[in-house]
Each structure stands twice: as structure tokens, then as C-alpha cells.
Protein backbone atom coordinates (compact mmCIF):
# COMPACT_ATOMS: atom_id res chain seq x y z
CA MET A 1 75.15 -90.30 -50.94
CA LYS A 2 77.31 -92.37 -48.59
CA ALA A 3 79.77 -90.64 -46.26
CA VAL A 4 82.16 -93.61 -46.68
CA GLU A 5 82.32 -96.60 -48.99
CA MET A 6 85.09 -99.18 -48.69
CA LYS A 7 84.92 -101.64 -51.58
CA ASN A 8 86.67 -105.04 -51.78
CA ILE A 9 89.32 -104.08 -49.21
CA THR A 10 92.05 -106.68 -48.64
CA LYS A 11 94.98 -106.25 -46.26
CA ARG A 12 97.71 -108.85 -45.77
CA PHE A 13 100.34 -109.11 -43.06
CA PRO A 14 103.12 -111.72 -43.01
CA GLY A 15 101.45 -115.07 -42.39
CA MET A 16 97.86 -113.79 -42.27
CA ILE A 17 95.08 -111.93 -44.07
CA ALA A 18 93.62 -109.29 -41.75
CA ASN A 19 90.87 -108.11 -44.14
CA LYS A 20 89.62 -110.18 -47.05
CA ASP A 21 87.49 -108.55 -49.77
CA VAL A 22 85.65 -106.38 -47.22
CA ASN A 23 82.75 -104.14 -48.26
CA PHE A 24 81.66 -101.53 -45.73
CA ASP A 25 79.71 -98.29 -45.98
CA LEU A 26 78.67 -95.45 -43.67
CA ASN A 27 75.55 -93.36 -44.26
CA GLN A 28 75.46 -89.63 -43.63
CA LYS A 29 74.50 -88.76 -40.02
CA GLU A 30 74.47 -92.36 -38.79
CA ILE A 31 76.22 -94.31 -36.04
CA HIS A 32 77.46 -97.56 -37.59
CA VAL A 33 78.97 -100.18 -35.27
CA LEU A 34 81.73 -102.59 -36.30
CA LEU A 35 81.51 -105.82 -34.31
CA GLY A 36 83.66 -108.92 -34.22
CA GLU A 37 85.94 -111.08 -32.11
CA ASN A 38 89.36 -109.88 -31.00
CA GLY A 39 91.65 -109.99 -34.00
CA ALA A 40 88.73 -110.16 -36.47
CA GLY A 41 90.11 -107.19 -38.43
CA LYS A 42 87.89 -104.31 -37.25
CA THR A 43 90.67 -101.95 -36.14
CA THR A 44 92.78 -102.88 -39.17
CA LEU A 45 89.93 -101.83 -41.47
CA MET A 46 89.57 -98.50 -39.66
CA ASN A 47 93.34 -97.98 -39.65
CA ILE A 48 93.15 -98.28 -43.45
CA LEU A 49 90.41 -95.64 -43.57
CA TYR A 50 92.55 -93.39 -41.36
CA GLY A 51 95.74 -93.95 -43.39
CA ILE A 52 97.78 -95.81 -40.75
CA TYR A 53 97.80 -98.85 -43.05
CA ASN A 54 97.38 -98.96 -46.84
CA GLN A 55 95.15 -101.61 -48.38
CA ASP A 56 96.67 -104.18 -50.75
CA GLU A 57 93.48 -104.27 -52.83
CA GLY A 58 90.22 -102.33 -53.02
CA ASP A 59 89.01 -98.73 -53.17
CA ILE A 60 87.80 -96.05 -50.74
CA PHE A 61 85.16 -93.43 -51.54
CA ILE A 62 84.46 -90.35 -49.36
CA ASN A 63 81.18 -88.56 -50.14
CA GLY A 64 80.98 -90.40 -53.46
CA GLU A 65 84.50 -89.54 -54.66
CA LYS A 66 87.25 -92.13 -54.99
CA VAL A 67 90.20 -91.15 -52.79
CA LYS A 68 93.72 -92.31 -51.98
CA ILE A 69 94.49 -92.29 -48.26
CA LYS A 70 98.19 -92.97 -47.77
CA THR A 71 98.71 -91.26 -44.39
CA PRO A 72 96.63 -89.92 -41.47
CA LYS A 73 97.36 -86.46 -42.87
CA ASP A 74 95.46 -87.44 -46.04
CA ALA A 75 92.56 -88.75 -43.93
CA ILE A 76 92.38 -85.57 -41.83
CA ALA A 77 92.36 -83.45 -44.99
CA LEU A 78 89.36 -85.50 -46.17
CA GLY A 79 87.51 -84.92 -42.89
CA VAL A 80 88.24 -88.30 -41.27
CA GLY A 81 89.25 -88.35 -37.58
CA MET A 82 90.03 -91.31 -35.32
CA VAL A 83 90.04 -91.69 -31.54
CA HIS A 84 92.20 -94.71 -30.73
CA GLN A 85 91.54 -97.28 -27.99
CA HIS A 86 94.65 -96.17 -26.13
CA PHE A 87 94.68 -92.38 -25.92
CA MET A 88 97.45 -90.41 -27.60
CA LEU A 89 97.75 -87.43 -25.27
CA VAL A 90 100.80 -85.68 -23.77
CA HIS A 91 100.08 -85.95 -20.04
CA ASN A 92 102.10 -82.96 -18.87
CA PHE A 93 100.55 -80.68 -21.53
CA THR A 94 97.31 -78.80 -20.92
CA VAL A 95 93.99 -79.65 -22.56
CA ALA A 96 94.36 -76.74 -24.98
CA GLU A 97 97.98 -77.63 -25.87
CA ASN A 98 96.94 -81.22 -26.67
CA ILE A 99 94.00 -80.18 -28.82
CA VAL A 100 95.97 -77.75 -31.01
CA LEU A 101 99.18 -79.85 -31.12
CA GLY A 102 100.42 -79.86 -34.72
CA CYS A 103 97.93 -77.15 -35.74
CA GLU A 104 98.97 -74.43 -33.30
CA PRO A 105 97.84 -70.83 -33.85
CA LYS A 106 100.89 -68.61 -34.37
CA LYS A 107 101.67 -64.93 -33.89
CA PHE A 108 104.35 -63.19 -35.94
CA GLY A 109 104.22 -66.29 -38.15
CA PHE A 110 106.30 -68.55 -35.89
CA VAL A 111 105.54 -68.02 -32.15
CA PHE A 112 102.92 -70.26 -30.47
CA ASP A 113 99.98 -68.04 -29.56
CA LYS A 114 98.87 -69.63 -26.27
CA LYS A 115 96.15 -67.07 -25.62
CA GLU A 116 94.56 -67.66 -29.04
CA ALA A 117 94.84 -71.46 -28.57
CA ILE A 118 92.95 -71.23 -25.26
CA ARG A 119 90.31 -68.99 -26.86
CA LYS A 120 89.73 -71.34 -29.80
CA VAL A 121 89.61 -74.44 -27.58
CA LYS A 122 87.23 -72.78 -25.10
CA GLU A 123 84.96 -71.88 -28.01
CA LEU A 124 84.95 -75.54 -29.09
CA ILE A 125 84.38 -76.80 -25.53
CA ASP A 126 81.45 -74.40 -25.06
CA LYS A 127 79.93 -75.42 -28.39
CA TYR A 128 79.81 -79.09 -27.37
CA GLU A 129 79.15 -78.40 -23.65
CA PHE A 130 82.05 -80.60 -22.54
CA ASN A 131 82.75 -78.83 -19.22
CA ILE A 132 86.58 -79.06 -19.29
CA ASP A 133 89.05 -76.36 -18.29
CA PRO A 134 91.35 -75.79 -21.32
CA GLU A 135 94.24 -74.83 -19.01
CA THR A 136 94.16 -78.02 -16.89
CA LYS A 137 96.90 -80.61 -17.46
CA ILE A 138 95.83 -83.96 -18.90
CA GLU A 139 97.32 -85.84 -15.92
CA ASP A 140 94.88 -84.01 -13.61
CA ILE A 141 91.61 -84.94 -15.38
CA SER A 142 89.56 -88.15 -15.42
CA VAL A 143 89.73 -90.82 -18.13
CA GLY A 144 86.28 -89.75 -19.36
CA GLN A 145 87.46 -86.16 -19.74
CA GLN A 146 90.61 -87.33 -21.52
CA GLN A 147 88.39 -89.07 -24.05
CA LYS A 148 86.49 -85.82 -24.61
CA VAL A 149 89.84 -84.15 -25.29
CA GLU A 150 90.57 -86.79 -27.95
CA ILE A 151 87.18 -86.10 -29.56
CA LEU A 152 87.80 -82.33 -29.40
CA LYS A 153 91.20 -82.87 -31.07
CA ILE A 154 89.61 -84.36 -34.18
CA LEU A 155 86.72 -81.85 -34.20
CA TYR A 156 89.29 -79.02 -34.04
CA ARG A 157 90.80 -80.46 -37.22
CA GLY A 158 87.42 -80.41 -39.00
CA ALA A 159 86.42 -84.08 -38.83
CA GLU A 160 83.05 -84.93 -40.37
CA ILE A 161 83.62 -88.71 -40.25
CA ILE A 162 84.55 -89.87 -36.74
CA ILE A 163 86.00 -93.29 -35.88
CA LEU A 164 85.81 -94.32 -32.20
CA ASP A 165 87.81 -97.45 -31.35
CA GLU A 166 86.56 -99.07 -28.09
CA PRO A 167 85.59 -95.70 -26.60
CA THR A 168 83.74 -97.16 -23.60
CA ALA A 169 86.34 -99.72 -22.50
CA VAL A 170 87.74 -97.44 -19.78
CA LEU A 171 84.60 -95.46 -18.89
CA ILE A 172 82.32 -95.75 -15.87
CA PRO A 173 78.54 -96.14 -16.53
CA SER A 174 77.71 -92.43 -16.14
CA GLU A 175 80.50 -91.51 -18.61
CA ILE A 176 79.18 -94.09 -21.09
CA GLU A 177 75.73 -92.47 -20.94
CA GLU A 178 77.35 -89.07 -21.46
CA LEU A 179 79.30 -90.37 -24.48
CA GLU A 180 76.07 -91.68 -26.04
CA VAL A 181 74.51 -88.21 -25.74
CA ILE A 182 77.65 -86.64 -27.29
CA MET A 183 77.57 -89.07 -30.23
CA LYS A 184 73.90 -88.49 -30.96
CA ASN A 185 74.39 -84.72 -30.78
CA LEU A 186 77.27 -85.00 -33.25
CA THR A 187 75.12 -86.89 -35.75
CA LYS A 188 72.36 -84.27 -35.41
CA GLU A 189 75.00 -81.71 -36.36
CA GLY A 190 75.78 -83.69 -39.53
CA LYS A 191 78.70 -85.88 -38.43
CA SER A 192 78.86 -89.59 -39.30
CA ILE A 193 80.30 -92.02 -36.73
CA ILE A 194 81.90 -95.47 -36.92
CA LEU A 195 82.02 -97.16 -33.52
CA ILE A 196 84.08 -100.23 -32.59
CA THR A 197 82.89 -101.84 -29.37
CA HIS A 198 82.28 -105.24 -27.75
CA LYS A 199 79.48 -104.15 -25.42
CA LEU A 200 76.24 -105.37 -26.94
CA LYS A 201 73.91 -103.37 -24.67
CA GLU A 202 75.62 -100.20 -25.90
CA VAL A 203 75.39 -101.40 -29.49
CA MET A 204 71.62 -101.74 -29.19
CA SER A 205 71.12 -98.28 -27.67
CA MET A 206 73.72 -96.30 -29.61
CA SER A 207 73.74 -97.53 -33.20
CA ASP A 208 71.67 -97.30 -36.39
CA ARG A 209 73.37 -100.19 -38.21
CA ILE A 210 75.79 -103.01 -37.34
CA THR A 211 78.40 -104.74 -39.51
CA ILE A 212 79.84 -108.00 -38.19
CA ILE A 213 83.33 -109.15 -39.17
CA ARG A 214 84.62 -112.65 -38.47
CA ARG A 215 88.23 -113.62 -39.22
CA GLY A 216 88.68 -110.71 -41.61
CA GLU A 217 85.47 -111.17 -43.62
CA VAL A 218 82.11 -109.41 -43.41
CA ILE A 219 79.43 -111.82 -42.16
CA ASP A 220 76.41 -109.50 -42.27
CA THR A 221 75.17 -105.91 -41.99
CA LEU A 222 71.99 -105.41 -39.94
CA ASN A 223 69.65 -102.62 -38.97
CA THR A 224 69.87 -102.34 -35.19
CA ASN A 225 66.11 -102.05 -34.72
CA GLU A 226 65.60 -105.35 -36.60
CA THR A 227 67.96 -107.56 -34.58
CA SER A 228 68.64 -108.73 -31.00
CA ILE A 229 71.58 -109.25 -28.67
CA ASP A 230 71.29 -113.05 -29.03
CA GLU A 231 71.35 -112.89 -32.85
CA ILE A 232 74.33 -110.53 -32.83
CA ALA A 233 76.26 -112.71 -30.35
CA ASN A 234 75.68 -115.81 -32.45
CA LEU A 235 76.86 -114.03 -35.62
CA ILE A 236 80.01 -112.70 -33.94
CA VAL A 237 81.16 -116.04 -32.54
CA GLY A 238 79.51 -118.42 -35.00
CA ARG A 239 77.69 -120.33 -32.23
CA ALA A 240 75.28 -119.78 -29.34
CA VAL A 241 76.83 -117.81 -26.46
CA ASP A 242 75.74 -118.02 -22.82
CA LEU A 243 77.02 -115.37 -20.41
CA ASN A 244 75.02 -116.80 -17.49
CA VAL A 245 77.87 -119.03 -16.31
CA TYR A 246 77.40 -118.71 -12.55
CA LYS A 247 76.65 -121.83 -10.53
CA GLU A 248 76.37 -122.23 -6.77
CA ARG A 249 79.47 -122.94 -4.74
CA VAL A 250 79.87 -126.62 -3.97
CA GLN A 251 82.06 -126.05 -0.91
CA ILE A 252 82.73 -123.38 1.68
CA LEU A 253 86.45 -123.36 2.41
CA PRO A 254 88.58 -121.48 4.95
CA GLU A 255 89.56 -117.83 4.65
CA ILE A 256 92.67 -117.20 2.52
CA LEU A 257 92.88 -113.38 2.59
CA LYS A 258 91.95 -111.00 5.40
CA VAL A 259 92.33 -107.23 5.06
CA LYS A 260 92.06 -105.34 8.39
CA GLU A 261 91.84 -101.56 8.79
CA LEU A 262 94.07 -101.02 5.76
CA LYS A 263 95.20 -97.44 5.19
CA ALA A 264 97.30 -95.97 2.38
CA LYS A 265 97.97 -92.70 0.57
CA ASP A 266 97.67 -91.89 -3.13
CA ASN A 267 100.37 -90.40 -5.36
CA ARG A 268 99.57 -86.92 -4.04
CA GLY A 269 100.05 -87.98 -0.42
CA LEU A 270 96.32 -87.89 0.38
CA ASP A 271 94.50 -90.67 2.24
CA VAL A 272 92.94 -93.00 -0.35
CA LEU A 273 92.37 -96.15 1.73
CA LYS A 274 90.74 -95.16 5.00
CA GLY A 275 90.40 -98.39 6.94
CA VAL A 276 89.43 -101.14 4.50
CA ASN A 277 88.07 -104.40 5.96
CA PHE A 278 87.04 -107.60 4.16
CA GLU A 279 88.02 -111.23 3.78
CA VAL A 280 88.08 -113.68 0.87
CA LYS A 281 87.58 -117.43 1.30
CA SER A 282 89.07 -120.18 -0.79
CA GLY A 283 86.50 -121.50 -3.24
CA GLU A 284 84.65 -118.20 -3.64
CA ILE A 285 84.58 -115.16 -5.90
CA PHE A 286 84.53 -111.99 -3.83
CA GLY A 287 83.57 -109.03 -6.02
CA ILE A 288 84.34 -105.40 -5.32
CA ALA A 289 81.88 -102.96 -6.88
CA GLY A 290 82.23 -99.21 -7.00
CA VAL A 291 82.55 -96.14 -9.15
CA GLY A 292 86.12 -95.69 -10.41
CA GLY A 293 88.37 -93.56 -8.23
CA ASN A 294 87.14 -94.74 -4.83
CA GLY A 295 90.35 -96.57 -3.94
CA GLN A 296 89.96 -99.85 -5.84
CA SER A 297 93.19 -99.43 -7.83
CA GLU A 298 95.21 -98.45 -4.77
CA LEU A 299 93.77 -101.38 -2.78
CA VAL A 300 94.99 -103.85 -5.42
CA GLU A 301 98.38 -102.09 -5.57
CA VAL A 302 98.81 -102.44 -1.80
CA ILE A 303 97.81 -106.13 -1.73
CA THR A 304 100.18 -106.95 -4.63
CA GLY A 305 103.11 -104.97 -3.17
CA ILE A 306 103.20 -102.15 -5.72
CA ARG A 307 102.10 -99.50 -3.18
CA LYS A 308 102.99 -99.24 0.52
CA CYS A 309 100.37 -99.00 3.25
CA TYR A 310 100.97 -97.05 6.45
CA ASP A 311 98.55 -98.90 8.73
CA GLY A 312 96.50 -102.09 8.92
CA GLU A 313 97.14 -105.72 8.06
CA ILE A 314 96.99 -108.00 5.02
CA ILE A 315 96.90 -111.65 6.13
CA PHE A 316 97.37 -114.08 3.24
CA ASP A 317 97.27 -117.81 3.93
CA GLY A 318 97.93 -117.13 7.62
CA GLU A 319 100.90 -114.83 7.00
CA ASN A 320 101.21 -111.04 7.21
CA ILE A 321 102.26 -109.82 3.74
CA GLU A 322 101.79 -106.06 3.85
CA ASN A 323 104.70 -104.12 2.36
CA LEU A 324 106.43 -107.19 0.94
CA THR A 325 107.81 -106.78 -2.59
CA PRO A 326 105.74 -107.91 -5.61
CA LYS A 327 108.25 -110.71 -6.22
CA GLU A 328 107.91 -112.00 -2.66
CA ILE A 329 104.12 -111.88 -2.91
CA ILE A 330 104.04 -113.79 -6.22
CA LYS A 331 106.16 -116.54 -4.62
CA LYS A 332 103.48 -116.91 -1.93
CA LYS A 333 101.10 -118.06 -4.74
CA LEU A 334 99.14 -114.86 -5.28
CA SER A 335 98.67 -113.76 -8.89
CA SER A 336 96.96 -110.74 -10.40
CA ILE A 337 95.39 -109.73 -13.70
CA PRO A 338 96.32 -106.01 -13.74
CA GLU A 339 94.02 -103.11 -14.49
CA ASP A 340 96.19 -101.67 -17.29
CA ARG A 341 97.61 -104.31 -19.61
CA HIS A 342 100.05 -101.87 -21.21
CA LYS A 343 101.46 -100.23 -18.08
CA THR A 344 101.70 -103.21 -15.74
CA GLY A 345 100.57 -106.31 -17.64
CA LEU A 346 103.03 -106.65 -20.51
CA ILE A 347 106.40 -105.54 -21.81
CA LEU A 348 105.09 -104.57 -25.22
CA GLN A 349 108.40 -104.72 -27.11
CA HIS A 350 109.12 -108.25 -25.87
CA SER A 351 107.91 -111.51 -27.39
CA LEU A 352 104.89 -113.47 -26.22
CA TYR A 353 107.09 -116.21 -24.77
CA GLU A 354 109.00 -113.65 -22.69
CA ASN A 355 105.76 -112.07 -21.48
CA ALA A 356 104.27 -115.49 -20.67
CA ILE A 357 106.72 -116.04 -17.79
CA LEU A 358 106.73 -112.56 -16.26
CA GLY A 359 106.82 -112.94 -12.48
CA ILE A 360 107.85 -116.60 -12.60
CA GLN A 361 111.03 -116.36 -14.66
CA ASP A 362 113.01 -117.64 -11.63
CA ASP A 363 110.90 -120.81 -11.43
CA LYS A 364 113.01 -124.00 -11.64
CA LYS A 365 110.85 -125.12 -14.53
CA PHE A 366 112.17 -122.28 -16.69
CA ASN A 367 115.48 -121.37 -15.05
CA LYS A 368 118.41 -123.80 -15.31
CA GLY A 369 121.03 -122.13 -13.17
CA MET A 370 122.52 -119.28 -15.20
CA PHE A 371 120.35 -119.87 -18.27
CA LEU A 372 116.68 -119.83 -19.17
CA ASP A 373 115.23 -123.00 -20.69
CA TYR A 374 113.71 -121.48 -23.82
CA LYS A 375 112.39 -124.82 -25.07
CA GLU A 376 110.28 -125.17 -21.91
CA ILE A 377 109.27 -121.49 -22.00
CA ARG A 378 108.05 -121.79 -25.60
CA LYS A 379 106.12 -124.97 -24.76
CA HIS A 380 104.49 -123.20 -21.79
CA THR A 381 103.59 -120.20 -23.98
CA LEU A 382 102.10 -122.35 -26.77
CA ASN A 383 99.88 -124.08 -24.17
CA ILE A 384 98.53 -120.67 -23.05
CA ILE A 385 98.06 -119.52 -26.67
CA LYS A 386 96.12 -122.67 -27.54
CA GLU A 387 94.00 -122.89 -24.40
CA PHE A 388 93.07 -119.20 -24.28
CA ASP A 389 92.70 -118.77 -28.06
CA VAL A 390 95.30 -116.00 -28.36
CA ARG A 391 95.19 -115.05 -32.06
CA THR A 392 98.82 -114.84 -33.20
CA ILE A 393 101.13 -116.23 -35.88
CA ASP A 394 103.43 -117.78 -33.25
CA GLU A 395 105.00 -117.24 -29.82
CA ASN A 396 107.80 -115.05 -31.23
CA VAL A 397 105.51 -112.12 -32.05
CA GLU A 398 105.98 -108.94 -30.00
CA ALA A 399 103.14 -108.34 -27.51
CA SER A 400 102.59 -104.89 -29.06
CA LYS A 401 101.53 -106.56 -32.34
CA LEU A 402 98.50 -108.29 -30.79
CA SER A 403 95.06 -106.70 -30.60
CA GLY A 404 94.09 -105.42 -27.15
CA GLY A 405 91.77 -108.35 -26.53
CA ASN A 406 94.41 -110.92 -27.44
CA GLN A 407 96.91 -109.17 -25.15
CA GLN A 408 94.32 -109.52 -22.37
CA LYS A 409 93.80 -113.23 -23.06
CA LEU A 410 97.56 -113.83 -22.84
CA ILE A 411 97.69 -112.10 -19.44
CA VAL A 412 94.68 -113.99 -18.06
CA GLY A 413 96.17 -117.28 -19.26
CA ARG A 414 99.57 -116.45 -17.75
CA GLU A 415 98.10 -115.67 -14.33
CA ILE A 416 95.85 -118.74 -14.21
CA TYR A 417 98.78 -120.95 -15.32
CA LYS A 418 100.75 -119.82 -12.23
CA ASN A 419 98.37 -122.08 -10.24
CA PRO A 420 97.92 -119.53 -7.43
CA LYS A 421 95.92 -119.79 -4.22
CA LEU A 422 94.38 -116.35 -4.88
CA ILE A 423 93.77 -114.64 -8.22
CA ILE A 424 93.16 -110.89 -8.12
CA ALA A 425 91.26 -110.16 -11.33
CA VAL A 426 91.00 -106.45 -12.13
CA GLN A 427 88.80 -105.65 -15.14
CA PRO A 428 89.57 -109.17 -16.49
CA THR A 429 87.39 -108.84 -19.61
CA ARG A 430 88.14 -105.23 -20.55
CA GLY A 431 88.30 -105.00 -24.34
CA LEU A 432 87.30 -108.64 -24.90
CA ASP A 433 84.71 -109.84 -27.39
CA ILE A 434 81.61 -111.69 -26.20
CA GLY A 435 83.04 -115.16 -26.90
CA ALA A 436 86.21 -114.39 -24.96
CA ILE A 437 84.19 -112.87 -22.08
CA GLU A 438 82.16 -116.09 -21.85
CA TYR A 439 85.36 -118.16 -21.78
CA ILE A 440 87.14 -116.02 -19.14
CA HIS A 441 84.03 -116.02 -16.93
CA ARG A 442 83.83 -119.82 -17.20
CA ARG A 443 87.50 -120.15 -16.32
CA LEU A 444 87.13 -117.96 -13.23
CA ILE A 445 84.19 -120.10 -12.07
CA GLU A 446 86.26 -123.26 -12.78
CA GLU A 447 89.21 -121.92 -10.76
CA ARG A 448 86.82 -121.11 -7.91
CA ASP A 449 85.42 -124.66 -8.04
CA LYS A 450 88.97 -126.03 -7.79
CA GLY A 451 89.24 -124.26 -4.44
CA LYS A 452 91.00 -121.10 -5.62
CA ALA A 453 90.00 -117.74 -4.18
CA ILE A 454 89.13 -114.97 -6.65
CA LEU A 455 89.12 -111.28 -5.77
CA LEU A 456 87.22 -109.67 -8.66
CA VAL A 457 87.55 -105.89 -9.03
CA SER A 458 85.52 -104.52 -11.93
CA LEU A 459 83.79 -101.30 -12.94
CA GLU A 460 81.36 -103.47 -14.95
CA LEU A 461 78.54 -103.95 -12.44
CA ASP A 462 76.97 -106.66 -14.64
CA GLU A 463 80.23 -108.63 -14.42
CA VAL A 464 80.45 -108.30 -10.63
CA LEU A 465 76.79 -109.32 -10.17
CA SER A 466 76.97 -112.27 -12.57
CA LEU A 467 80.13 -113.88 -11.12
CA SER A 468 80.37 -113.05 -7.41
CA ASP A 469 79.42 -115.19 -4.43
CA ARG A 470 79.70 -112.10 -2.23
CA VAL A 471 80.13 -108.42 -3.10
CA GLY A 472 81.79 -105.63 -1.14
CA VAL A 473 80.77 -102.13 -2.24
CA MET A 474 83.61 -99.60 -2.10
CA TYR A 475 83.08 -95.89 -1.58
CA ASP A 476 85.53 -93.17 -0.55
CA GLY A 477 88.31 -95.54 0.48
CA LYS A 478 86.19 -97.98 2.50
CA ILE A 479 84.08 -101.11 2.01
CA LEU A 480 80.64 -99.78 3.00
CA LYS A 481 78.87 -103.12 3.06
CA VAL A 482 79.33 -106.77 2.07
CA LEU A 483 76.32 -108.48 0.47
CA GLU A 484 75.73 -112.22 0.12
CA ARG A 485 74.73 -113.71 -3.25
CA ASP A 486 71.04 -113.85 -2.35
CA GLU A 487 71.13 -110.16 -1.31
CA LEU A 488 72.60 -108.90 -4.58
CA ASP A 489 70.40 -106.26 -6.15
CA GLU A 490 71.50 -103.75 -8.79
CA GLN A 491 69.48 -100.92 -7.26
CA LYS A 492 70.80 -101.50 -3.73
CA ILE A 493 74.38 -101.66 -4.96
CA GLY A 494 73.83 -98.49 -6.97
CA VAL A 495 72.75 -96.66 -3.80
CA LEU A 496 75.84 -97.91 -1.94
CA MET A 497 78.13 -96.97 -4.83
CA ALA A 498 76.89 -93.40 -4.48
CA GLY A 499 77.63 -93.42 -0.74
CA GLY A 500 74.04 -94.04 0.37
CA ASN A 501 72.60 -96.29 3.06
CA ILE A 502 70.30 -99.27 2.36
CA ASP A 503 69.73 -100.37 5.95
CA GLY A 504 66.22 -99.52 7.09
């Protein structure tokens, strides 16, 4: 008996069909991956299973019985739980308060029983060996631990069918390995898991079966042990994909950015940058590798003017720019693809054409005295949409309505279209499908070959190794060592990322 069967599911939105006559099933105790390009309809299909959307046509069966799922409440009652790509946690609540939220234990019939909530949550944490303090606030734990809290939330509500939407997009490698162990333990216990991801290495190691969706339709369902990464990539995109886009630099140009003894504090007032030194040349990609939380985010914030430094220098194009405002820095022809597209990359409630000129809205091209030239802005936006294959009905759509990957493509296009001297690219392919990753990587190489400098900051070591001309390894607020292209070695970098020494 199947845990889930979705038969002939069709879902229409104004101007588009998100799912067209889709058939999908999930076996008991299996991990089934949904793969497809950004905007292919994967999350829409799972949102239908979870009751966020209602299908226009088709039927859903849970454990062999036909069911109507109109709301998430219906789904939860049927044992379906979903962990969304962007976590839905209350940051100033504790772990326990988040897990029981909406299903709180009560005493006297109406008073929240905090002690009982902590006891129940601790019991759940111990059962799954998650190693989280139930009384810690969400804002004080890592992203990986926050994801565990999301999983515990749905387990607390009795989920037997678990949907994980892009669960590894924000995790470091060790957390990804831990998540794989958690998932396999859950299936041994009898749970069935649907996983949405773009990372094909993870697909091969984590899943039992794979269903590929392209433009809202199912292309194929494969047994993982009978396929390969190349076959999957070709099915997703509909053509051969090559992620080996690196080519040697054709020119060595002068230095454009020099960071000297840079020091800064984090939000708690503790030293987070402890004397950072490196330089980036025009016509090169300088990658920064490191485990998350070693100062990479704060370094980018200081260079782009979001965070103040208290010592050191940032020399950009021969000029000292430390502690200038973000607006002043953008005008000096420095652009950045931010780490978090929702917090600092987009204004989600605004249209695509408004988001496409963020940071350059004062440019004479778009600003005619007291008024914005919306005809020119729309033309500019449509160029980005076309060139970067942003899947949307038109430029008037709110940014919040795009899939995460299409939001990312809009941001990358916007920053490249600013024609900067230096592009700071932080996690530039987070949440992108394999075809989009190939395209963004090619564009970064192209911009480098035009003489632009690229500072690439990524937690994806494969990405850093495949694109960079030089790599600086960051640990505990410092660049430990800079390696040339011919010195790049995954094992050596791994040692440095852990704070070790490779000399001698």
C-alpha cells in the first residue's frame, strides 16, 4: 500500500499552469526526491498535499484512502507534515514554545503548562537524539538546529508523511550529513519522506526513488540505484549540462580591493573579524572558503557598508571606503549578491521592476528629476528577466510570488547589470537548479574575463573550488592561508577550515 498517491493533479494560477495532470506516489518507509528546475511546480505540488493550495483537478489518496485536503489542518490530521524552505519559527520564543505552538499542553483547561511542554519536548528530543536545549531561544541556535526544531514540530503533531522543501540549502556539509542520518532513521521508524532538493550528490546518497518535473509535468520516475547524475541532469534541463565551466585567466590585472588588518564586532559586541588580510585583482575570482560562522557574513557586511569596522582598511580602486554608507559604496561601482535574498536582497511585497533597480534608483537612466522613468525601468527589468530566465508572467508580479530560485536569478541579474568593477557574490547559487547553476557560473567566469573582479563567498566547497583562481580559507575571524589555483586541494582546504595547519 502506498503512503501517498496523487493522481492527475492539475493546478492553475492566472496566466499559467503550475501542475498539469501530475501523477506522483510515495511508498511506505521510502525517501522519494522531487527534482526539477526552479518554477517547475515541485513546491506547488507539495503545497497541494499539505493543503496550502487546493488542486483544480485530480485526487489524493493517503494509505489507500481517498481524502480531501483543504487546509494544513486537514493534512496534519492525516499525518502529513511539511518543513518549508524558509523556516516558520518565532525567533524570540524558546525551542519548546515553538514546537508546541498551537498544540500547547494546558493546566486547569486554559493555562499554558510550560513545565509539561518542556517535558514533552525533551522526551521527543531525546528520542531522536537531536541534542538541543528545549529552553534555548531560537535566535541563539544555529540554522541546522533550527531545522531540527522544524522537524520536531511536525513529529510532535504526529506526522508519518514528512515533506522537506530544500532542507539542505542553508546547511553546512557536516549538518547535511547529520540530516541524512536523521532522515534514514525516520524511515526505519516507519516514516515516509518526500524531499525537494537541487543538489544531485545528495539525491544519489539520500533517496530511494526520484521523480523529475519539468514545466509542471512529470518527465520520469527512476530508481536511484539505476540512474546517474548525468542522466538526472539531462532529464531536469532537457539537454546536456556541464558544470565544469572554469577556464584559465587570460590576463592578470591590477589589484582592485585590498583588505588590511580589518577588525569588527558582531551583534553581541564580540570580536568577529580579528585582523583580516587579502586582496582581489581585477580579472580574477577570489574565493573565500570556510565553515559558516567564522566571520564570512560580517566581512561582507563591513565591505558593503552594512556593518562598521573599528580598525583596519578597505581600499577599493585606490580609495579608502571603510565605514562609508551602502549607497556611497554602490556608487563606487561595487555590487553584491547578498547571502539572504529575503532579508537583504529583495523587497518581497514590491514588483519585479521595482526590485530590479534597488540600489541604482537614483541613476539618471531611471530618474528624471522628480519622477522615475517607469518605461525605462520596465525595459531594464524585462532584459534581466529574459537574459537570466526568470520564470514569471510579467514584470509586475510581486517578488514574493516567485520561487526561491527565480528570486535568486533576478538578484544575480540585477547586480551584474549594474556593470560594477567588483561583484561580491555570496552563496550565488543557493536554491538554484542545475541548469541555473551552470548559467550563473558561466556568467561569473564571463564577467571575470571582461576584467571584473569577483569576490566569491560560499559554503559550497565544490563551488569555491570549481570557480576560483585563488582561495582564501577563513577560520575564527581571519584568513588563515591563500592558495593559488594549482594548489587547490579539497583535503588541504578541509584541514584549514577546521583551523589546522598544512605547512610542513
